[in-house]
Amino acid sequence: MNGIEAQVGDRLEIIRLDLLSAIGRQAAREYGVHMVPATLLFDGRGELIDRQIGKPQADKVIEVVELSSLKAG
């Protein structure tokens, strides 16, 4: 995620959750995360717009962020 953050970090906020913490377990239940790593992307309204299980695919994340930015702007 650090490479992704360097490329599009001015257009998104990355929040990392520990699934062993109470808030991490709550988020996992709420969004149906059963495997890690998991990457969930939300738009500016808090709507889930993409989900990846496993190592994040940087090109896909960047594409989703750019498309979301175009729709918002």
PDB file of N, CA and C in Angstrom:
ATOM      1  N   MET A   1       0.818  -1.204   0.000  1.00  0.00           N
ATOM      2  CA  MET A   1       0.000   0.000   0.000  1.00  0.00           C
ATOM      3  C   MET A   1       0.856   1.260   0.000  1.00  0.00           C
ATOM      4  N   ASN A   2       2.080   1.174   0.490  1.00  0.00           N
ATOM      5  CA  ASN A   2       2.903   2.377   0.554  1.00  0.00           C
ATOM      6  C   ASN A   2       3.162   2.957  -0.835  1.00  0.00           C
ATOM      7  N   GLY A   3       3.403   2.090  -1.829  1.00  0.00           N
ATOM      8  CA  GLY A   3       3.625   2.564  -3.192  1.00  0.00           C
ATOM      9  C   GLY A   3       2.385   3.223  -3.758  1.00  0.00           C
ATOM     10  N   ILE A   4       1.235   2.642  -3.472  1.00  0.00           N
ATOM     11  CA  ILE A   4      -0.034   3.208  -3.924  1.00  0.00           C
ATOM     12  C   ILE A   4      -0.249   4.565  -3.264  1.00  0.00           C
ATOM     13  N   GLU A   5       0.024   4.619  -1.983  1.00  0.00           N
ATOM     14  CA  GLU A   5      -0.147   5.859  -1.225  1.00  0.00           C
ATOM     15  C   GLU A   5       0.738   6.961  -1.805  1.00  0.00           C
ATOM     16  N   ALA A   6       1.943   6.609  -2.216  1.00  0.00           N
ATOM     17  CA  ALA A   6       2.854   7.599  -2.787  1.00  0.00           C
ATOM     18  C   ALA A   6       2.320   8.144  -4.110  1.00  0.00           C
ATOM     19  N   GLN A   7       1.622   7.303  -4.879  1.00  0.00           N
ATOM     20  CA  GLN A   7       1.137   7.714  -6.195  1.00  0.00           C
ATOM     21  C   GLN A   7      -0.173   8.496  -6.145  1.00  0.00           C
ATOM     22  N   VAL A   8      -1.080   8.124  -5.260  1.00  0.00           N
ATOM     23  CA  VAL A   8      -2.399   8.766  -5.244  1.00  0.00           C
ATOM     24  C   VAL A   8      -2.811   9.234  -3.851  1.00  0.00           C
ATOM     25  N   GLY A   9      -1.860   9.347  -2.953  1.00  0.00           N
ATOM     26  CA  GLY A   9      -2.153   9.703  -1.567  1.00  0.00           C
ATOM     27  C   GLY A   9      -2.806  11.054  -1.381  1.00  0.00           C
ATOM     28  N   ASP A  10      -2.647  11.945  -2.363  1.00  0.00           N
ATOM     29  CA  ASP A  10      -3.287  13.258  -2.259  1.00  0.00           C
ATOM     30  C   ASP A  10      -4.785  13.175  -2.558  1.00  0.00           C
ATOM     31  N   ARG A  11      -5.249  12.017  -3.088  1.00  0.00           N
ATOM     32  CA  ARG A  11      -6.658  11.850  -3.440  1.00  0.00           C
ATOM     33  C   ARG A  11      -7.369  10.816  -2.583  1.00  0.00           C
ATOM     34  N   LEU A  12      -6.664  10.262  -1.604  1.00  0.00           N
ATOM     35  CA  LEU A  12      -7.303   9.271  -0.751  1.00  0.00           C
ATOM     36  C   LEU A  12      -6.662   9.250   0.618  1.00  0.00           C
ATOM     37  N   GLU A  13      -7.373   8.668   1.527  1.00  0.00           N
ATOM     38  CA  GLU A  13      -6.868   8.467   2.889  1.00  0.00           C
ATOM     39  C   GLU A  13      -6.800   6.969   3.122  1.00  0.00           C
ATOM     40  N   ILE A  14      -5.640   6.495   3.515  1.00  0.00           N
ATOM     41  CA  ILE A  14      -5.465   5.065   3.788  1.00  0.00           C
ATOM     42  C   ILE A  14      -5.572   4.845   5.286  1.00  0.00           C
ATOM     43  N   ILE A  15      -6.450   3.942   5.649  1.00  0.00           N
ATOM     44  CA  ILE A  15      -6.638   3.588   7.054  1.00  0.00           C
ATOM     45  C   ILE A  15      -6.328   2.104   7.177  1.00  0.00           C
ATOM     46  N   ARG A  16      -5.402   1.767   8.042  1.00  0.00           N
ATOM     47  CA  ARG A  16      -5.040   0.372   8.265  1.00  0.00           C
ATOM     48  C   ARG A  16      -5.659  -0.080   9.586  1.00  0.00           C
ATOM     49  N   LEU A  17      -6.345  -1.221   9.528  1.00  0.00           N
ATOM     50  CA  LEU A  17      -6.976  -1.742  10.736  1.00  0.00           C
ATOM     51  C   LEU A  17      -6.357  -3.071  11.123  1.00  0.00           C
ATOM     52  N   ASP A  18      -6.161  -3.259  12.398  1.00  0.00           N
ATOM     53  CA  ASP A  18      -5.705  -4.523  12.956  1.00  0.00           C
ATOM     54  C   ASP A  18      -6.948  -5.350  13.266  1.00  0.00           C
ATOM     55  N   LEU A  19      -7.111  -6.465  12.577  1.00  0.00           N
ATOM     56  CA  LEU A  19      -8.319  -7.268  12.769  1.00  0.00           C
ATOM     57  C   LEU A  19      -8.352  -7.978  14.116  1.00  0.00           C
ATOM     58  N   LEU A  20      -7.303  -7.837  14.889  1.00  0.00           N
ATOM     59  CA  LEU A  20      -7.322  -8.392  16.246  1.00  0.00           C
ATOM     60  C   LEU A  20      -7.844  -7.370  17.248  1.00  0.00           C
ATOM     61  N   SER A  21      -7.981  -6.116  16.803  1.00  0.00           N
ATOM     62  CA  SER A  21      -8.521  -5.084  17.698  1.00  0.00           C
ATOM     63  C   SER A  21     -10.044  -5.105  17.621  1.00  0.00           C
ATOM     64  N   ALA A  22     -10.689  -4.498  18.597  1.00  0.00           N
ATOM     65  CA  ALA A  22     -12.158  -4.465  18.627  1.00  0.00           C
ATOM     66  C   ALA A  22     -12.718  -3.757  17.396  1.00  0.00           C
ATOM     67  N   ILE A  23     -12.155  -2.605  17.031  1.00  0.00           N
ATOM     68  CA  ILE A  23     -12.668  -1.880  15.865  1.00  0.00           C
ATOM     69  C   ILE A  23     -12.376  -2.645  14.577  1.00  0.00           C
ATOM     70  N   GLY A  24     -11.247  -3.318  14.522  1.00  0.00           N
ATOM     71  CA  GLY A  24     -10.917  -4.132  13.349  1.00  0.00           C
ATOM     72  C   GLY A  24     -11.888  -5.288  13.169  1.00  0.00           C
ATOM     73  N   ARG A  25     -12.228  -5.957  14.267  1.00  0.00           N
ATOM     74  CA  ARG A  25     -13.204  -7.063  14.202  1.00  0.00           C
ATOM     75  C   ARG A  25     -14.575  -6.546  13.792  1.00  0.00           C
ATOM     76  N   GLN A  26     -14.960  -5.390  14.319  1.00  0.00           N
ATOM     77  CA  GLN A  26     -16.248  -4.799  13.969  1.00  0.00           C
ATOM     78  C   GLN A  26     -16.292  -4.461  12.477  1.00  0.00           C
ATOM     79  N   ALA A  27     -15.246  -3.848  11.956  1.00  0.00           N
ATOM     80  CA  ALA A  27     -15.196  -3.499  10.532  1.00  0.00           C
ATOM     81  C   ALA A  27     -15.217  -4.756   9.673  1.00  0.00           C
ATOM     82  N   ALA A  28     -14.503  -5.787  10.086  1.00  0.00           N
ATOM     83  CA  ALA A  28     -14.485  -7.043   9.326  1.00  0.00           C
ATOM     84  C   ALA A  28     -15.886  -7.644   9.247  1.00  0.00           C
ATOM     85  N   ARG A  29     -16.602  -7.631  10.352  1.00  0.00           N
ATOM     86  CA  ARG A  29     -17.977  -8.149  10.350  1.00  0.00           C
ATOM     87  C   ARG A  29     -18.876  -7.310   9.449  1.00  0.00           C
ATOM     88  N   GLU A  30     -18.762  -6.002   9.592  1.00  0.00           N
ATOM     89  CA  GLU A  30     -19.634  -5.090   8.844  1.00  0.00           C
ATOM     90  C   GLU A  30     -19.436  -5.215   7.335  1.00  0.00           C
ATOM     91  N   TYR A  31     -18.184  -5.432   6.907  1.00  0.00           N
ATOM     92  CA  TYR A  31     -17.883  -5.468   5.480  1.00  0.00           C
ATOM     93  C   TYR A  31     -17.588  -6.870   4.961  1.00  0.00           C
ATOM     94  N   GLY A  32     -17.815  -7.894   5.780  1.00  0.00           N
ATOM     95  CA  GLY A  32     -17.676  -9.270   5.321  1.00  0.00           C
ATOM     96  C   GLY A  32     -16.257  -9.678   4.980  1.00  0.00           C
ATOM     97  N   VAL A  33     -15.295  -9.183   5.735  1.00  0.00           N
ATOM     98  CA  VAL A  33     -13.896  -9.549   5.508  1.00  0.00           C
ATOM     99  C   VAL A  33     -13.615 -10.847   6.267  1.00  0.00           C
ATOM    100  N   HIS A  34     -13.265 -11.884   5.509  1.00  0.00           N
ATOM    101  CA  HIS A  34     -12.989 -13.187   6.109  1.00  0.00           C
ATOM    102  C   HIS A  34     -11.546 -13.622   5.899  1.00  0.00           C
ATOM    103  N   MET A  35     -10.822 -12.929   5.009  1.00  0.00           N
ATOM    104  CA  MET A  35      -9.429 -13.257   4.724  1.00  0.00           C
ATOM    105  C   MET A  35      -8.620 -11.969   4.734  1.00  0.00           C
ATOM    106  N   VAL A  36      -7.356 -12.090   5.071  1.00  0.00           N
ATOM    107  CA  VAL A  36      -6.448 -10.946   5.037  1.00  0.00           C
ATOM    108  C   VAL A  36      -5.237 -11.309   4.193  1.00  0.00           C
ATOM    109  N   PRO A  37      -4.615 -10.345   3.566  1.00  0.00           N
ATOM    110  CA  PRO A  37      -5.014  -8.945   3.579  1.00  0.00           C
ATOM    111  C   PRO A  37      -6.260  -8.702   2.731  1.00  0.00           C
ATOM    112  N   ALA A  38      -6.980  -7.681   3.080  1.00  0.00           N
ATOM    113  CA  ALA A  38      -8.151  -7.241   2.324  1.00  0.00           C
ATOM    114  C   ALA A  38      -8.054  -5.731   2.152  1.00  0.00           C
ATOM    115  N   THR A  39      -8.378  -5.264   0.969  1.00  0.00           N
ATOM    116  CA  THR A  39      -8.362  -3.839   0.670  1.00  0.00           C
ATOM    117  C   THR A  39      -9.768  -3.441   0.259  1.00  0.00           C
ATOM    118  N   LEU A  40     -10.326  -2.492   0.969  1.00  0.00           N
ATOM    119  CA  LEU A  40     -11.659  -1.988   0.662  1.00  0.00           C
ATOM    120  C   LEU A  40     -11.510  -0.519   0.290  1.00  0.00           C
ATOM    121  N   LEU A  41     -12.107  -0.122  -0.823  1.00  0.00           N
ATOM    122  CA  LEU A  41     -12.039   1.260  -1.268  1.00  0.00           C
ATOM    123  C   LEU A  41     -13.426   1.883  -1.176  1.00  0.00           C
ATOM    124  N   PHE A  42     -13.481   3.056  -0.585  1.00  0.00           N
ATOM    125  CA  PHE A  42     -14.737   3.778  -0.396  1.00  0.00           C
ATOM    126  C   PHE A  42     -14.650   5.110  -1.116  1.00  0.00           C
ATOM    127  N   ASP A  43     -15.776   5.570  -1.630  1.00  0.00           N
ATOM    128  CA  ASP A  43     -15.790   6.891  -2.246  1.00  0.00           C
ATOM    129  C   ASP A  43     -15.962   7.957  -1.165  1.00  0.00           C
ATOM    130  N   GLY A  44     -16.052   9.205  -1.580  1.00  0.00           N
ATOM    131  CA  GLY A  44     -16.156  10.318  -0.644  1.00  0.00           C
ATOM    132  C   GLY A  44     -17.428  10.305   0.190  1.00  0.00           C
ATOM    133  N   ARG A  45     -18.442   9.544  -0.239  1.00  0.00           N
ATOM    134  CA  ARG A  45     -19.694   9.433   0.521  1.00  0.00           C
ATOM    135  C   ARG A  45     -19.678   8.228   1.463  1.00  0.00           C
ATOM    136  N   GLY A  46     -18.574   7.486   1.465  1.00  0.00           N
ATOM    137  CA  GLY A  46     -18.483   6.321   2.335  1.00  0.00           C
ATOM    138  C   GLY A  46     -19.056   5.052   1.729  1.00  0.00           C
ATOM    139  N   GLU A  47     -19.355   5.071   0.423  1.00  0.00           N
ATOM    140  CA  GLU A  47     -19.882   3.897  -0.268  1.00  0.00           C
ATOM    141  C   GLU A  47     -18.735   3.003  -0.713  1.00  0.00           C
ATOM    142  N   LEU A  48     -18.860   1.711  -0.482  1.00  0.00           N
ATOM    143  CA  LEU A  48     -17.849   0.746  -0.915  1.00  0.00           C
ATOM    144  C   LEU A  48     -17.860   0.682  -2.441  1.00  0.00           C
ATOM    145  N   ILE A  49     -16.706   0.954  -3.075  1.00  0.00           N
ATOM    146  CA  ILE A  49     -16.643   0.956  -4.529  1.00  0.00           C
ATOM    147  C   ILE A  49     -15.728  -0.128  -5.096  1.00  0.00           C
ATOM    148  N   ASP A  50     -14.905  -0.746  -4.266  1.00  0.00           N
ATOM    149  CA  ASP A  50     -14.050  -1.838  -4.736  1.00  0.00           C
ATOM    150  C   ASP A  50     -13.557  -2.638  -3.543  1.00  0.00           C
ATOM    151  N   ARG A  51     -13.292  -3.919  -3.812  1.00  0.00           N
ATOM    152  CA  ARG A  51     -12.809  -4.835  -2.774  1.00  0.00           C
ATOM    153  C   ARG A  51     -11.771  -5.753  -3.408  1.00  0.00           C
ATOM    154  N   GLN A  52     -10.650  -5.911  -2.732  1.00  0.00           N
ATOM    155  CA  GLN A  52      -9.619  -6.846  -3.185  1.00  0.00           C
ATOM    156  C   GLN A  52      -9.207  -7.712  -2.005  1.00  0.00           C
ATOM    157  N   ILE A  53      -9.074  -8.993  -2.260  1.00  0.00           N
ATOM    158  CA  ILE A  53      -8.577  -9.923  -1.249  1.00  0.00           C
ATOM    159  C   ILE A  53      -7.187 -10.354  -1.697  1.00  0.00           C
ATOM    160  N   GLY A  54      -6.255 -10.389  -0.770  1.00  0.00           N
ATOM    161  CA  GLY A  54      -4.871 -10.693  -1.108  1.00  0.00           C
ATOM    162  C   GLY A  54      -4.082  -9.404  -1.250  1.00  0.00           C
ATOM    163  N   LYS A  55      -2.860  -9.532  -1.724  1.00  0.00           N
ATOM    164  CA  LYS A  55      -2.004  -8.353  -1.901  1.00  0.00           C
ATOM    165  C   LYS A  55      -2.696  -7.380  -2.852  1.00  0.00           C
ATOM    166  N   PRO A  56      -2.787  -6.102  -2.463  1.00  0.00           N
ATOM    167  CA  PRO A  56      -3.469  -5.124  -3.313  1.00  0.00           C
ATOM    168  C   PRO A  56      -2.798  -4.998  -4.681  1.00  0.00           C
ATOM    169  N   GLN A  57      -3.600  -4.953  -5.728  1.00  0.00           N
ATOM    170  CA  GLN A  57      -3.095  -4.736  -7.080  1.00  0.00           C
ATOM    171  C   GLN A  57      -3.053  -3.233  -7.318  1.00  0.00           C
ATOM    172  N   ALA A  58      -1.841  -2.686  -7.308  1.00  0.00           N
ATOM    173  CA  ALA A  58      -1.668  -1.229  -7.372  1.00  0.00           C
ATOM    174  C   ALA A  58      -2.372  -0.622  -8.574  1.00  0.00           C
ATOM    175  N   ASP A  59      -2.238  -1.223  -9.748  1.00  0.00           N
ATOM    176  CA  ASP A  59      -2.842  -0.631 -10.938  1.00  0.00           C
ATOM    177  C   ASP A  59      -4.362  -0.574 -10.830  1.00  0.00           C
ATOM    178  N   LYS A  60      -4.969  -1.585 -10.238  1.00  0.00           N
ATOM    179  CA  LYS A  60      -6.423  -1.614 -10.056  1.00  0.00           C
ATOM    180  C   LYS A  60      -6.860  -0.552  -9.049  1.00  0.00           C
ATOM    181  N   VAL A  61      -6.150  -0.440  -7.930  1.00  0.00           N
ATOM    182  CA  VAL A  61      -6.476   0.563  -6.910  1.00  0.00           C
ATOM    183  C   VAL A  61      -6.368   1.959  -7.509  1.00  0.00           C
ATOM    184  N   ILE A  62      -5.290   2.216  -8.230  1.00  0.00           N
ATOM    185  CA  ILE A  62      -5.085   3.533  -8.839  1.00  0.00           C
ATOM    186  C   ILE A  62      -6.187   3.825  -9.853  1.00  0.00           C
ATOM    187  N   GLU A  63      -6.564   2.828 -10.649  1.00  0.00           N
ATOM    188  CA  GLU A  63      -7.636   3.008 -11.630  1.00  0.00           C
ATOM    189  C   GLU A  63      -8.954   3.370 -10.948  1.00  0.00           C
ATOM    190  N   VAL A  64      -9.287   2.659  -9.883  1.00  0.00           N
ATOM    191  CA  VAL A  64     -10.534   2.920  -9.160  1.00  0.00           C
ATOM    192  C   VAL A  64     -10.507   4.318  -8.539  1.00  0.00           C
ATOM    193  N   VAL A  65      -9.380   4.701  -7.954  1.00  0.00           N
ATOM    194  CA  VAL A  65      -9.250   6.034  -7.353  1.00  0.00           C
ATOM    195  C   VAL A  65      -9.399   7.115  -8.412  1.00  0.00           C
ATOM    196  N   GLU A  66      -8.758   6.927  -9.556  1.00  0.00           N
ATOM    197  CA  GLU A  66      -8.838   7.930 -10.624  1.00  0.00           C
ATOM    198  C   GLU A  66     -10.268   8.027 -11.167  1.00  0.00           C
ATOM    199  N   LEU A  67     -10.935   6.902 -11.385  1.00  0.00           N
ATOM    200  CA  LEU A  67     -12.311   6.931 -11.875  1.00  0.00           C
ATOM    201  C   LEU A  67     -13.230   7.597 -10.859  1.00  0.00           C
ATOM    202  N   SER A  68     -13.024   7.289  -9.587  1.00  0.00           N
ATOM    203  CA  SER A  68     -13.834   7.877  -8.540  1.00  0.00           C
ATOM    204  C   SER A  68     -13.609   9.384  -8.467  1.00  0.00           C
ATOM    205  N   SER A  69     -12.372   9.819  -8.660  1.00  0.00           N
ATOM    206  CA  SER A  69     -12.042  11.252  -8.644  1.00  0.00           C
ATOM    207  C   SER A  69     -12.722  11.966  -9.796  1.00  0.00           C
ATOM    208  N   LEU A  70     -12.766  11.338 -10.962  1.00  0.00           N
ATOM    209  CA  LEU A  70     -13.415  11.943 -12.133  1.00  0.00           C
ATOM    210  C   LEU A  70     -14.912  12.106 -11.901  1.00  0.00           C
ATOM    211  N   LYS A  71     -15.540  11.095 -11.303  1.00  0.00           N
ATOM    212  CA  LYS A  71     -16.976  11.152 -11.037  1.00  0.00           C
ATOM    213  C   LYS A  71     -17.305  12.238 -10.010  1.00  0.00           C
ATOM    214  N   ALA A  72     -16.414  12.382  -9.023  1.00  0.00           N
ATOM    215  CA  ALA A  72     -16.655  13.363  -7.955  1.00  0.00           C
ATOM    216  C   ALA A  72     -16.413  14.786  -8.441  1.00  0.00           C
ATOM    217  N   GLY A  73     -15.508  14.930  -9.402  1.00  0.00           N
ATOM    218  CA  GLY A  73     -15.129  16.276  -9.829  1.00  0.00           C
ATOM    219  C   GLY A  73     -15.915  16.706 -10.983  1.00  0.00           C
TER     220      GLY A  73
END
